[in-house]
Amino acid sequence: MNYKDNILQLIQNNKELYCDDCISELLNIKPRQQVNAICNKLFVTNKIVRDKRCCSNCKKDKLVNIQ
């Protein structure tokens, strides 16, 4: 699996809201900007939604990724 598939699997299977920072930490994807670029592409292709809400992992109000 590649990073894109790993990110989609995390978001789909857990039904949680994850910010880019937490996805980077949970999936060990470095640098974090790579997660941002992948999530932006997934958003543009309507695979995920990105919205400012509370991240389920870090509990901070941030841009999160939603299935």
PDB file of N, CA and C in Angstrom:
ATOM      1  N   MET A   1       0.834  -1.186   0.000  1.00  0.00           N
ATOM      2  CA  MET A   1       0.000   0.000   0.000  1.00  0.00           C
ATOM      3  C   MET A   1       0.880   1.252   0.000  1.00  0.00           C
ATOM      4  N   ASN A   2       0.358   2.301  -0.587  1.00  0.00           N
ATOM      5  CA  ASN A   2       1.088   3.567  -0.594  1.00  0.00           C
ATOM      6  C   ASN A   2       0.492   4.509   0.456  1.00  0.00           C
ATOM      7  N   TYR A   3       1.094   5.675   0.608  1.00  0.00           N
ATOM      8  CA  TYR A   3       0.635   6.620   1.626  1.00  0.00           C
ATOM      9  C   TYR A   3      -0.828   7.021   1.436  1.00  0.00           C
ATOM     10  N   LYS A   4      -1.226   7.256   0.188  1.00  0.00           N
ATOM     11  CA  LYS A   4      -2.614   7.651  -0.085  1.00  0.00           C
ATOM     12  C   LYS A   4      -3.578   6.579   0.397  1.00  0.00           C
ATOM     13  N   ASP A   5      -3.295   5.328   0.082  1.00  0.00           N
ATOM     14  CA  ASP A   5      -4.159   4.223   0.508  1.00  0.00           C
ATOM     15  C   ASP A   5      -4.182   4.096   2.028  1.00  0.00           C
ATOM     16  N   ASN A   6      -3.031   4.277   2.664  1.00  0.00           N
ATOM     17  CA  ASN A   6      -2.954   4.198   4.127  1.00  0.00           C
ATOM     18  C   ASN A   6      -3.789   5.293   4.783  1.00  0.00           C
ATOM     19  N   ILE A   7      -3.724   6.487   4.234  1.00  0.00           N
ATOM     20  CA  ILE A   7      -4.504   7.604   4.776  1.00  0.00           C
ATOM     21  C   ILE A   7      -5.993   7.342   4.606  1.00  0.00           C
ATOM     22  N   LEU A   8      -6.402   6.923   3.422  1.00  0.00           N
ATOM     23  CA  LEU A   8      -7.813   6.618   3.190  1.00  0.00           C
ATOM     24  C   LEU A   8      -8.306   5.514   4.118  1.00  0.00           C
ATOM     25  N   GLN A   9      -7.513   4.498   4.300  1.00  0.00           N
ATOM     26  CA  GLN A   9      -7.891   3.391   5.181  1.00  0.00           C
ATOM     27  C   GLN A   9      -8.061   3.878   6.623  1.00  0.00           C
ATOM     28  N   LEU A  10      -7.148   4.707   7.098  1.00  0.00           N
ATOM     29  CA  LEU A  10      -7.253   5.244   8.450  1.00  0.00           C
ATOM     30  C   LEU A  10      -8.545   6.034   8.617  1.00  0.00           C
ATOM     31  N   ILE A  11      -8.836   6.910   7.670  1.00  0.00           N
ATOM     32  CA  ILE A  11     -10.026   7.760   7.770  1.00  0.00           C
ATOM     33  C   ILE A  11     -11.306   6.933   7.640  1.00  0.00           C
ATOM     34  N   GLN A  12     -11.336   5.993   6.726  1.00  0.00           N
ATOM     35  CA  GLN A  12     -12.541   5.191   6.493  1.00  0.00           C
ATOM     36  C   GLN A  12     -12.804   4.193   7.615  1.00  0.00           C
ATOM     37  N   ASN A  13     -11.781   3.541   8.100  1.00  0.00           N
ATOM     38  CA  ASN A  13     -11.969   2.477   9.086  1.00  0.00           C
ATOM     39  C   ASN A  13     -12.257   2.984  10.482  1.00  0.00           C
ATOM     40  N   ASN A  14     -11.748   4.151  10.831  1.00  0.00           N
ATOM     41  CA  ASN A  14     -11.894   4.638  12.196  1.00  0.00           C
ATOM     42  C   ASN A  14     -13.059   5.596  12.392  1.00  0.00           C
ATOM     43  N   LYS A  15     -13.578   6.152  11.319  1.00  0.00           N
ATOM     44  CA  LYS A  15     -14.697   7.095  11.390  1.00  0.00           C
ATOM     45  C   LYS A  15     -14.428   8.246  12.365  1.00  0.00           C
ATOM     46  N   GLU A  16     -13.171   8.597  12.500  1.00  0.00           N
ATOM     47  CA  GLU A  16     -12.749   9.696  13.364  1.00  0.00           C
ATOM     48  C   GLU A  16     -12.321  10.876  12.498  1.00  0.00           C
ATOM     49  N   LEU A  17     -12.114  12.009  13.134  1.00  0.00           N
ATOM     50  CA  LEU A  17     -11.648  13.209  12.454  1.00  0.00           C
ATOM     51  C   LEU A  17     -10.175  13.384  12.792  1.00  0.00           C
ATOM     52  N   TYR A  18      -9.316  13.367  11.784  1.00  0.00           N
ATOM     53  CA  TYR A  18      -7.878  13.468  12.013  1.00  0.00           C
ATOM     54  C   TYR A  18      -7.290  14.662  11.265  1.00  0.00           C
ATOM     55  N   CYS A  19      -6.485  15.450  11.977  1.00  0.00           N
ATOM     56  CA  CYS A  19      -5.757  16.539  11.327  1.00  0.00           C
ATOM     57  C   CYS A  19      -4.521  15.956  10.627  1.00  0.00           C
ATOM     58  N   ASP A  20      -3.907  16.742   9.774  1.00  0.00           N
ATOM     59  CA  ASP A  20      -2.727  16.285   9.033  1.00  0.00           C
ATOM     60  C   ASP A  20      -1.584  15.903   9.970  1.00  0.00           C
ATOM     61  N   ASP A  21      -1.412  16.676  11.048  1.00  0.00           N
ATOM     62  CA  ASP A  21      -0.333  16.375  12.003  1.00  0.00           C
ATOM     63  C   ASP A  21      -0.524  14.997  12.635  1.00  0.00           C
ATOM     64  N   CYS A  22      -1.732  14.697  13.034  1.00  0.00           N
ATOM     65  CA  CYS A  22      -1.994  13.404  13.680  1.00  0.00           C
ATOM     66  C   CYS A  22      -1.880  12.248  12.685  1.00  0.00           C
ATOM     67  N   ILE A  23      -2.330  12.461  11.463  1.00  0.00           N
ATOM     68  CA  ILE A  23      -2.168  11.418  10.444  1.00  0.00           C
ATOM     69  C   ILE A  23      -0.684  11.152  10.228  1.00  0.00           C
ATOM     70  N   SER A  24       0.099  12.208  10.162  1.00  0.00           N
ATOM     71  CA  SER A  24       1.541  12.056   9.991  1.00  0.00           C
ATOM     72  C   SER A  24       2.144  11.230  11.122  1.00  0.00           C
ATOM     73  N   GLU A  25       1.742  11.513  12.349  1.00  0.00           N
ATOM     74  CA  GLU A  25       2.258  10.772  13.501  1.00  0.00           C
ATOM     75  C   GLU A  25       1.757   9.328  13.524  1.00  0.00           C
ATOM     76  N   LEU A  26       0.463   9.138  13.322  1.00  0.00           N
ATOM     77  CA  LEU A  26      -0.122   7.799  13.407  1.00  0.00           C
ATOM     78  C   LEU A  26       0.412   6.857  12.338  1.00  0.00           C
ATOM     79  N   LEU A  27       0.652   7.397  11.135  1.00  0.00           N
ATOM     80  CA  LEU A  27       1.100   6.555  10.023  1.00  0.00           C
ATOM     81  C   LEU A  27       2.596   6.679   9.756  1.00  0.00           C
ATOM     82  N   ASN A  28       3.269   7.481  10.568  1.00  0.00           N
ATOM     83  CA  ASN A  28       4.710   7.689  10.434  1.00  0.00           C
ATOM     84  C   ASN A  28       5.093   8.154   9.019  1.00  0.00           C
ATOM     85  N   ILE A  29       4.381   9.169   8.546  1.00  0.00           N
ATOM     86  CA  ILE A  29       4.656   9.768   7.237  1.00  0.00           C
ATOM     87  C   ILE A  29       5.376  11.083   7.474  1.00  0.00           C
ATOM     88  N   LYS A  30       6.593  11.166   7.001  1.00  0.00           N
ATOM     89  CA  LYS A  30       7.413  12.362   7.161  1.00  0.00           C
ATOM     90  C   LYS A  30       7.883  12.837   5.797  1.00  0.00           C
ATOM     91  N   PRO A  31       7.953  14.117   5.534  1.00  0.00           N
ATOM     92  CA  PRO A  31       7.513  15.209   6.387  1.00  0.00           C
ATOM     93  C   PRO A  31       5.991  15.330   6.395  1.00  0.00           C
ATOM     94  N   ARG A  32       5.468  16.045   7.371  1.00  0.00           N
ATOM     95  CA  ARG A  32       4.026  16.211   7.525  1.00  0.00           C
ATOM     96  C   ARG A  32       3.394  16.854   6.294  1.00  0.00           C
ATOM     97  N   GLN A  33       4.144  17.676   5.593  1.00  0.00           N
ATOM     98  CA  GLN A  33       3.617  18.350   4.405  1.00  0.00           C
ATOM     99  C   GLN A  33       3.189  17.339   3.337  1.00  0.00           C
ATOM    100  N   GLN A  34       3.769  16.157   3.380  1.00  0.00           N
ATOM    101  CA  GLN A  34       3.378  15.116   2.438  1.00  0.00           C
ATOM    102  C   GLN A  34       1.927  14.696   2.684  1.00  0.00           C
ATOM    103  N   VAL A  35       1.542  14.613   3.946  1.00  0.00           N
ATOM    104  CA  VAL A  35       0.155  14.291   4.303  1.00  0.00           C
ATOM    105  C   VAL A  35      -0.762  15.397   3.799  1.00  0.00           C
ATOM    106  N   ASN A  36      -0.360  16.646   3.991  1.00  0.00           N
ATOM    107  CA  ASN A  36      -1.157  17.777   3.536  1.00  0.00           C
ATOM    108  C   ASN A  36      -1.388  17.714   2.028  1.00  0.00           C
ATOM    109  N   ALA A  37      -0.345  17.445   1.270  1.00  0.00           N
ATOM    110  CA  ALA A  37      -0.470  17.371  -0.191  1.00  0.00           C
ATOM    111  C   ALA A  37      -1.391  16.227  -0.614  1.00  0.00           C
ATOM    112  N   ILE A  38      -1.256  15.073   0.018  1.00  0.00           N
ATOM    113  CA  ILE A  38      -2.095  13.918  -0.320  1.00  0.00           C
ATOM    114  C   ILE A  38      -3.551  14.206   0.034  1.00  0.00           C
ATOM    115  N   CYS A  39      -3.786  14.763   1.220  1.00  0.00           N
ATOM    116  CA  CYS A  39      -5.163  15.054   1.643  1.00  0.00           C
ATOM    117  C   CYS A  39      -5.807  16.123   0.767  1.00  0.00           C
ATOM    118  N   ASN A  40      -5.035  17.107   0.327  1.00  0.00           N
ATOM    119  CA  ASN A  40      -5.584  18.108  -0.590  1.00  0.00           C
ATOM    120  C   ASN A  40      -6.011  17.468  -1.904  1.00  0.00           C
ATOM    121  N   LYS A  41      -5.217  16.519  -2.415  1.00  0.00           N
ATOM    122  CA  LYS A  41      -5.583  15.817  -3.651  1.00  0.00           C
ATOM    123  C   LYS A  41      -6.828  14.958  -3.436  1.00  0.00           C
ATOM    124  N   LEU A  42      -6.920  14.298  -2.298  1.00  0.00           N
ATOM    125  CA  LEU A  42      -8.096  13.483  -1.995  1.00  0.00           C
ATOM    126  C   LEU A  42      -9.345  14.355  -1.873  1.00  0.00           C
ATOM    127  N   PHE A  43      -9.186  15.553  -1.344  1.00  0.00           N
ATOM    128  CA  PHE A  43     -10.294  16.495  -1.229  1.00  0.00           C
ATOM    129  C   PHE A  43     -10.762  16.966  -2.606  1.00  0.00           C
ATOM    130  N   VAL A  44      -9.825  17.333  -3.456  1.00  0.00           N
ATOM    131  CA  VAL A  44     -10.161  17.830  -4.798  1.00  0.00           C
ATOM    132  C   VAL A  44     -10.875  16.755  -5.619  1.00  0.00           C
ATOM    133  N   THR A  45     -10.538  15.490  -5.380  1.00  0.00           N
ATOM    134  CA  THR A  45     -11.171  14.389  -6.133  1.00  0.00           C
ATOM    135  C   THR A  45     -12.382  13.811  -5.390  1.00  0.00           C
ATOM    136  N   ASN A  46     -12.865  14.533  -4.372  1.00  0.00           N
ATOM    137  CA  ASN A  46     -14.071  14.156  -3.614  1.00  0.00           C
ATOM    138  C   ASN A  46     -13.970  12.812  -2.891  1.00  0.00           C
ATOM    139  N   LYS A  47     -12.776  12.416  -2.509  1.00  0.00           N
ATOM    140  CA  LYS A  47     -12.601  11.175  -1.745  1.00  0.00           C
ATOM    141  C   LYS A  47     -12.769  11.424  -0.248  1.00  0.00           C
ATOM    142  N   ILE A  48     -12.430  12.657   0.195  1.00  0.00           N
ATOM    143  CA  ILE A  48     -12.593  13.046   1.591  1.00  0.00           C
ATOM    144  C   ILE A  48     -13.101  14.475   1.663  1.00  0.00           C
ATOM    145  N   VAL A  49     -13.510  14.865   2.858  1.00  0.00           N
ATOM    146  CA  VAL A  49     -13.910  16.245   3.135  1.00  0.00           C
ATOM    147  C   VAL A  49     -12.892  16.819   4.110  1.00  0.00           C
ATOM    148  N   ARG A  50     -12.542  18.073   3.922  1.00  0.00           N
ATOM    149  CA  ARG A  50     -11.641  18.763   4.849  1.00  0.00           C
ATOM    150  C   ARG A  50     -12.412  19.943   5.428  1.00  0.00           C
ATOM    151  N   ASP A  51     -12.435  20.028   6.769  1.00  0.00           N
ATOM    152  CA  ASP A  51     -13.207  21.074   7.416  1.00  0.00           C
ATOM    153  C   ASP A  51     -12.552  21.409   8.754  1.00  0.00           C
ATOM    154  N   LYS A  52     -12.736  22.632   9.223  1.00  0.00           N
ATOM    155  CA  LYS A  52     -12.159  23.021  10.511  1.00  0.00           C
ATOM    156  C   LYS A  52     -13.080  22.515  11.623  1.00  0.00           C
ATOM    157  N   ARG A  53     -12.567  21.563  12.388  1.00  0.00           N
ATOM    158  CA  ARG A  53     -13.287  20.971  13.517  1.00  0.00           C
ATOM    159  C   ARG A  53     -12.273  20.501  14.548  1.00  0.00           C
ATOM    160  N   CYS A  54     -12.755  19.819  15.563  1.00  0.00           N
ATOM    161  CA  CYS A  54     -11.883  19.292  16.608  1.00  0.00           C
ATOM    162  C   CYS A  54     -11.323  17.933  16.177  1.00  0.00           C
ATOM    163  N   CYS A  55     -10.018  17.815  16.159  1.00  0.00           N
ATOM    164  CA  CYS A  55      -9.364  16.551  15.816  1.00  0.00           C
ATOM    165  C   CYS A  55      -9.648  15.537  16.923  1.00  0.00           C
ATOM    166  N   SER A  56     -10.050  14.337  16.533  1.00  0.00           N
ATOM    167  CA  SER A  56     -10.360  13.281  17.499  1.00  0.00           C
ATOM    168  C   SER A  56      -9.132  12.813  18.259  1.00  0.00           C
ATOM    169  N   ASN A  57      -7.968  12.995  17.689  1.00  0.00           N
ATOM    170  CA  ASN A  57      -6.746  12.489  18.307  1.00  0.00           C
ATOM    171  C   ASN A  57      -6.090  13.515  19.243  1.00  0.00           C
ATOM    172  N   CYS A  58      -5.802  14.711  18.737  1.00  0.00           N
ATOM    173  CA  CYS A  58      -5.097  15.720  19.550  1.00  0.00           C
ATOM    174  C   CYS A  58      -6.044  16.671  20.267  1.00  0.00           C
ATOM    175  N   LYS A  59      -7.327  16.628  19.914  1.00  0.00           N
ATOM    176  CA  LYS A  59      -8.371  17.457  20.546  1.00  0.00           C
ATOM    177  C   LYS A  59      -8.211  18.955  20.297  1.00  0.00           C
ATOM    178  N   LYS A  60      -7.513  19.320  19.228  1.00  0.00           N
ATOM    179  CA  LYS A  60      -7.338  20.720  18.876  1.00  0.00           C
ATOM    180  C   LYS A  60      -8.256  21.058  17.704  1.00  0.00           C
ATOM    181  N   ASP A  61      -8.725  22.319  17.660  1.00  0.00           N
ATOM    182  CA  ASP A  61      -9.515  22.791  16.519  1.00  0.00           C
ATOM    183  C   ASP A  61      -8.565  23.054  15.371  1.00  0.00           C
ATOM    184  N   LYS A  62      -8.670  22.217  14.350  1.00  0.00           N
ATOM    185  CA  LYS A  62      -7.772  22.291  13.198  1.00  0.00           C
ATOM    186  C   LYS A  62      -8.519  21.850  11.946  1.00  0.00           C
ATOM    187  N   LEU A  63      -7.865  21.960  10.822  1.00  0.00           N
ATOM    188  CA  LEU A  63      -8.399  21.418   9.584  1.00  0.00           C
ATOM    189  C   LEU A  63      -8.294  19.896   9.672  1.00  0.00           C
ATOM    190  N   VAL A  64      -9.441  19.213   9.641  1.00  0.00           N
ATOM    191  CA  VAL A  64      -9.457  17.763   9.786  1.00  0.00           C
ATOM    192  C   VAL A  64      -9.957  17.110   8.506  1.00  0.00           C
ATOM    193  N   ASN A  65      -9.684  15.829   8.414  1.00  0.00           N
ATOM    194  CA  ASN A  65     -10.052  15.027   7.247  1.00  0.00           C
ATOM    195  C   ASN A  65     -11.159  14.073   7.650  1.00  0.00           C
ATOM    196  N   ILE A  66     -12.224  14.059   6.847  1.00  0.00           N
ATOM    197  CA  ILE A  66     -13.425  13.298   7.171  1.00  0.00           C
ATOM    198  C   ILE A  66     -13.807  12.449   5.962  1.00  0.00           C
ATOM    199  N   GLN A  67     -14.297  11.274   6.210  1.00  0.00           N
ATOM    200  CA  GLN A  67     -14.777  10.407   5.127  1.00  0.00           C
ATOM    201  C   GLN A  67     -16.113  10.906   4.623  1.00  0.00           C
TER     202      GLN A  67
END
